[in-house]
Amino acid sequence: MKTYTLSFPVNAPDGGTITELTLRRLKAKEMKAVDLSPADGKVGGILKYVAIMSNVPLAVMDELDAADALQIVGEAADFLAPGTGATPSS
């Protein structure tokens, strides 16, 4: 597990505030269930995985500040398999 503190917190669907995302490893069945389309691009596709990894609705990913979104994509790369568009950090 890895926790990322958002530089720009976002509103949660329940009315609260999300200040951090805790990422966990994905299961293969979760990756298979994600519908990736070319329109998502690499970042959009990875953010779909991040929503599952952090147990938040996909709509929360849409509200992330761009700086947080790019940083969290990098953080998530360590958990993603080759072929997802992510590259593990060193």
N, C-alpha and C. Protein backbone atom coordinates (compact mmCIF):
# COMPACT_ATOMS: atom_id res chain seq x y z
N MET A 1 0.85 -1.18 0.00
CA MET A 1 0.00 0.00 0.00
C MET A 1 0.88 1.23 0.00
N LYS A 2 0.35 2.28 -0.59
CA LYS A 2 1.08 3.54 -0.67
C LYS A 2 0.06 4.66 -0.53
N THR A 3 0.35 5.65 0.30
CA THR A 3 -0.57 6.77 0.51
C THR A 3 0.02 8.03 -0.12
N TYR A 4 -0.81 8.74 -0.87
CA TYR A 4 -0.43 9.98 -1.50
C TYR A 4 -1.31 11.09 -0.94
N THR A 5 -0.70 12.13 -0.41
CA THR A 5 -1.44 13.28 0.10
C THR A 5 -1.66 14.27 -1.04
N LEU A 6 -2.92 14.60 -1.27
CA LEU A 6 -3.26 15.53 -2.35
C LEU A 6 -2.81 16.95 -2.00
N SER A 7 -2.23 17.62 -2.96
CA SER A 7 -1.87 19.03 -2.78
C SER A 7 -3.11 19.90 -2.83
N PHE A 8 -4.11 19.41 -3.57
CA PHE A 8 -5.37 20.15 -3.73
C PHE A 8 -6.53 19.18 -3.44
N PRO A 9 -6.99 19.14 -2.17
CA PRO A 9 -8.08 18.22 -1.81
C PRO A 9 -9.32 18.41 -2.68
N VAL A 10 -10.10 17.34 -2.80
CA VAL A 10 -11.31 17.36 -3.62
C VAL A 10 -12.51 16.95 -2.77
N ASN A 11 -13.68 17.31 -3.24
CA ASN A 11 -14.91 16.95 -2.54
C ASN A 11 -15.25 15.49 -2.81
N ALA A 12 -15.65 14.81 -1.76
CA ALA A 12 -16.09 13.42 -1.87
C ALA A 12 -17.57 13.40 -2.20
N PRO A 13 -18.05 12.32 -2.84
CA PRO A 13 -19.48 12.23 -3.15
C PRO A 13 -20.39 12.34 -1.93
N ASP A 14 -19.87 11.94 -0.75
CA ASP A 14 -20.69 12.00 0.47
C ASP A 14 -20.68 13.37 1.13
N GLY A 15 -20.00 14.35 0.48
CA GLY A 15 -19.96 15.70 1.03
C GLY A 15 -18.71 16.00 1.83
N GLY A 16 -17.92 14.97 2.13
CA GLY A 16 -16.67 15.18 2.85
C GLY A 16 -15.58 15.69 1.92
N THR A 17 -14.38 15.69 2.43
CA THR A 17 -13.22 16.13 1.65
C THR A 17 -12.21 15.00 1.59
N ILE A 18 -11.67 14.76 0.40
CA ILE A 18 -10.63 13.76 0.23
C ILE A 18 -9.30 14.48 0.20
N THR A 19 -8.45 14.17 1.18
CA THR A 19 -7.15 14.82 1.29
C THR A 19 -6.00 13.90 0.90
N GLU A 20 -6.28 12.60 0.83
CA GLU A 20 -5.26 11.64 0.45
C GLU A 20 -5.89 10.42 -0.19
N LEU A 21 -5.10 9.73 -0.99
CA LEU A 21 -5.52 8.49 -1.61
C LEU A 21 -4.55 7.40 -1.19
N THR A 22 -5.08 6.28 -0.74
CA THR A 22 -4.25 5.14 -0.39
C THR A 22 -4.41 4.10 -1.48
N LEU A 23 -3.31 3.79 -2.14
CA LEU A 23 -3.32 2.84 -3.25
C LEU A 23 -2.98 1.45 -2.76
N ARG A 24 -3.64 0.47 -3.36
CA ARG A 24 -3.33 -0.94 -3.08
C ARG A 24 -3.10 -1.64 -4.41
N ARG A 25 -2.56 -2.82 -4.36
CA ARG A 25 -2.32 -3.59 -5.57
C ARG A 25 -3.65 -4.04 -6.16
N LEU A 26 -3.69 -4.14 -7.48
CA LEU A 26 -4.88 -4.61 -8.19
C LEU A 26 -4.86 -6.12 -8.34
N LYS A 27 -6.01 -6.69 -8.46
CA LYS A 27 -6.18 -8.10 -8.83
C LYS A 27 -6.38 -8.14 -10.35
N ALA A 28 -5.99 -9.23 -10.96
CA ALA A 28 -6.15 -9.38 -12.41
C ALA A 28 -7.61 -9.22 -12.81
N LYS A 29 -8.54 -9.76 -12.02
CA LYS A 29 -9.96 -9.65 -12.36
C LYS A 29 -10.42 -8.20 -12.37
N GLU A 30 -9.80 -7.35 -11.53
CA GLU A 30 -10.16 -5.93 -11.52
C GLU A 30 -9.64 -5.24 -12.78
N MET A 31 -8.44 -5.62 -13.20
CA MET A 31 -7.91 -5.03 -14.44
C MET A 31 -8.75 -5.43 -15.63
N LYS A 32 -9.18 -6.68 -15.67
CA LYS A 32 -10.01 -7.16 -16.78
C LYS A 32 -11.35 -6.45 -16.82
N ALA A 33 -11.86 -6.05 -15.68
CA ALA A 33 -13.18 -5.42 -15.62
C ALA A 33 -13.19 -3.96 -16.07
N VAL A 34 -12.00 -3.35 -16.15
CA VAL A 34 -11.92 -1.94 -16.54
C VAL A 34 -12.05 -1.83 -18.06
N ASP A 35 -12.98 -1.00 -18.48
CA ASP A 35 -13.21 -0.79 -19.91
C ASP A 35 -12.34 0.37 -20.38
N LEU A 36 -11.21 0.02 -21.01
CA LEU A 36 -10.31 1.04 -21.53
C LEU A 36 -10.66 1.33 -22.98
N SER A 37 -10.71 2.60 -23.31
CA SER A 37 -10.96 2.98 -24.70
C SER A 37 -9.85 3.92 -25.16
N PRO A 38 -9.59 3.98 -26.45
CA PRO A 38 -8.56 4.89 -26.96
C PRO A 38 -8.81 6.34 -26.54
N ALA A 39 -10.06 6.70 -26.37
CA ALA A 39 -10.40 8.07 -25.98
C ALA A 39 -9.89 8.41 -24.58
N ASP A 40 -9.68 7.39 -23.74
CA ASP A 40 -9.18 7.63 -22.38
C ASP A 40 -7.74 8.14 -22.39
N GLY A 41 -6.97 7.73 -23.40
CA GLY A 41 -5.54 8.03 -23.39
C GLY A 41 -4.88 7.27 -22.26
N LYS A 42 -3.56 7.38 -22.19
CA LYS A 42 -2.83 6.65 -21.15
C LYS A 42 -3.19 7.12 -19.75
N VAL A 43 -3.24 8.43 -19.56
CA VAL A 43 -3.53 8.96 -18.23
C VAL A 43 -4.94 8.60 -17.79
N GLY A 44 -5.91 8.76 -18.67
CA GLY A 44 -7.29 8.43 -18.32
C GLY A 44 -7.46 6.96 -17.98
N GLY A 45 -6.78 6.10 -18.73
CA GLY A 45 -6.85 4.67 -18.45
C GLY A 45 -6.25 4.33 -17.09
N ILE A 46 -5.11 4.93 -16.80
CA ILE A 46 -4.47 4.66 -15.51
C ILE A 46 -5.33 5.21 -14.37
N LEU A 47 -5.96 6.37 -14.59
CA LEU A 47 -6.82 6.92 -13.53
C LEU A 47 -8.01 6.01 -13.25
N LYS A 48 -8.47 5.26 -14.25
CA LYS A 48 -9.54 4.27 -14.01
C LYS A 48 -9.03 3.20 -13.04
N TYR A 49 -7.79 2.78 -13.25
CA TYR A 49 -7.20 1.80 -12.33
C TYR A 49 -7.00 2.42 -10.95
N VAL A 50 -6.55 3.67 -10.90
CA VAL A 50 -6.31 4.34 -9.62
C VAL A 50 -7.60 4.43 -8.81
N ALA A 51 -8.72 4.68 -9.45
CA ALA A 51 -10.00 4.74 -8.74
C ALA A 51 -10.27 3.41 -8.01
N ILE A 52 -9.98 2.31 -8.70
CA ILE A 52 -10.17 1.00 -8.06
C ILE A 52 -9.14 0.79 -6.96
N MET A 53 -7.89 1.12 -7.26
CA MET A 53 -6.80 0.93 -6.30
C MET A 53 -7.02 1.70 -5.01
N SER A 54 -7.68 2.85 -5.11
CA SER A 54 -7.89 3.70 -3.94
C SER A 54 -9.32 3.63 -3.41
N ASN A 55 -10.14 2.79 -4.03
CA ASN A 55 -11.51 2.57 -3.56
C ASN A 55 -12.33 3.86 -3.52
N VAL A 56 -12.22 4.65 -4.58
CA VAL A 56 -13.04 5.86 -4.70
C VAL A 56 -13.76 5.81 -6.04
N PRO A 57 -14.89 6.49 -6.17
CA PRO A 57 -15.60 6.53 -7.45
C PRO A 57 -14.74 7.19 -8.54
N LEU A 58 -14.91 6.75 -9.76
CA LEU A 58 -14.17 7.31 -10.88
C LEU A 58 -14.40 8.82 -10.99
N ALA A 59 -15.56 9.29 -10.59
CA ALA A 59 -15.86 10.73 -10.65
C ALA A 59 -14.87 11.54 -9.81
N VAL A 60 -14.33 10.95 -8.76
CA VAL A 60 -13.35 11.65 -7.93
C VAL A 60 -12.08 11.91 -8.74
N MET A 61 -11.70 10.96 -9.58
CA MET A 61 -10.50 11.14 -10.41
C MET A 61 -10.66 12.35 -11.34
N ASP A 62 -11.88 12.57 -11.83
CA ASP A 62 -12.14 13.70 -12.71
C ASP A 62 -11.98 15.04 -12.01
N GLU A 63 -12.10 15.05 -10.70
CA GLU A 63 -12.02 16.30 -9.94
C GLU A 63 -10.62 16.61 -9.44
N LEU A 64 -9.67 15.69 -9.62
CA LEU A 64 -8.31 15.93 -9.17
C LEU A 64 -7.68 17.10 -9.93
N ASP A 65 -6.90 17.89 -9.23
CA ASP A 65 -6.10 18.91 -9.88
C ASP A 65 -5.11 18.19 -10.80
N ALA A 66 -4.76 18.80 -11.91
CA ALA A 66 -3.86 18.16 -12.88
C ALA A 66 -2.53 17.76 -12.24
N ALA A 67 -1.99 18.59 -11.38
CA ALA A 67 -0.72 18.27 -10.72
C ALA A 67 -0.85 17.01 -9.87
N ASP A 68 -1.95 16.91 -9.11
CA ASP A 68 -2.18 15.71 -8.31
C ASP A 68 -2.41 14.49 -9.20
N ALA A 69 -3.18 14.68 -10.27
CA ALA A 69 -3.47 13.56 -11.16
C ALA A 69 -2.18 12.99 -11.75
N LEU A 70 -1.30 13.84 -12.23
CA LEU A 70 -0.05 13.36 -12.81
C LEU A 70 0.84 12.70 -11.76
N GLN A 71 0.87 13.26 -10.58
CA GLN A 71 1.68 12.66 -9.50
C GLN A 71 1.13 11.30 -9.10
N ILE A 72 -0.18 11.19 -8.98
CA ILE A 72 -0.77 9.92 -8.55
C ILE A 72 -0.60 8.85 -9.62
N VAL A 73 -0.61 9.24 -10.89
CA VAL A 73 -0.33 8.29 -11.97
C VAL A 73 1.08 7.72 -11.79
N GLY A 74 2.03 8.58 -11.45
CA GLY A 74 3.39 8.11 -11.19
C GLY A 74 3.47 7.20 -9.99
N GLU A 75 2.74 7.53 -8.94
CA GLU A 75 2.73 6.70 -7.74
C GLU A 75 2.12 5.34 -8.02
N ALA A 76 1.09 5.32 -8.85
CA ALA A 76 0.40 4.08 -9.16
C ALA A 76 1.21 3.17 -10.07
N ALA A 77 2.15 3.74 -10.80
CA ALA A 77 2.93 2.96 -11.78
C ALA A 77 3.64 1.78 -11.14
N ASP A 78 4.07 1.91 -9.89
CA ASP A 78 4.75 0.80 -9.21
C ASP A 78 3.83 -0.41 -9.06
N PHE A 79 2.53 -0.20 -9.07
CA PHE A 79 1.58 -1.28 -8.87
C PHE A 79 1.03 -1.86 -10.16
N LEU A 80 1.32 -1.22 -11.29
CA LEU A 80 0.70 -1.63 -12.55
C LEU A 80 1.63 -2.48 -13.37
N ALA A 81 1.05 -3.41 -14.08
CA ALA A 81 1.81 -4.33 -14.94
C ALA A 81 2.21 -3.65 -16.23
N PRO A 82 3.27 -4.15 -16.87
CA PRO A 82 3.64 -3.63 -18.19
C PRO A 82 2.46 -3.75 -19.15
N GLY A 83 2.34 -2.79 -20.03
CA GLY A 83 1.25 -2.82 -21.00
C GLY A 83 0.09 -1.93 -20.62
N THR A 84 0.11 -1.35 -19.41
CA THR A 84 -0.99 -0.47 -19.00
C THR A 84 -0.71 0.96 -19.40
N GLY A 85 0.49 1.22 -19.90
CA GLY A 85 0.85 2.58 -20.26
C GLY A 85 1.67 3.25 -19.18
N ALA A 86 1.84 2.58 -18.05
CA ALA A 86 2.61 3.15 -16.96
C ALA A 86 4.02 2.57 -16.97
N THR A 87 4.95 3.34 -16.48
CA THR A 87 6.29 2.82 -16.32
C THR A 87 6.66 2.90 -14.85
N PRO A 88 7.12 1.80 -14.28
CA PRO A 88 7.48 1.83 -12.87
C PRO A 88 8.56 2.86 -12.58
N SER A 89 8.44 3.51 -11.43
CA SER A 89 9.46 4.48 -11.05
C SER A 89 10.65 3.73 -10.45
N SER A 90 11.79 4.37 -10.48
CA SER A 90 12.98 3.69 -9.93
C SER A 90 13.20 4.02 -8.49
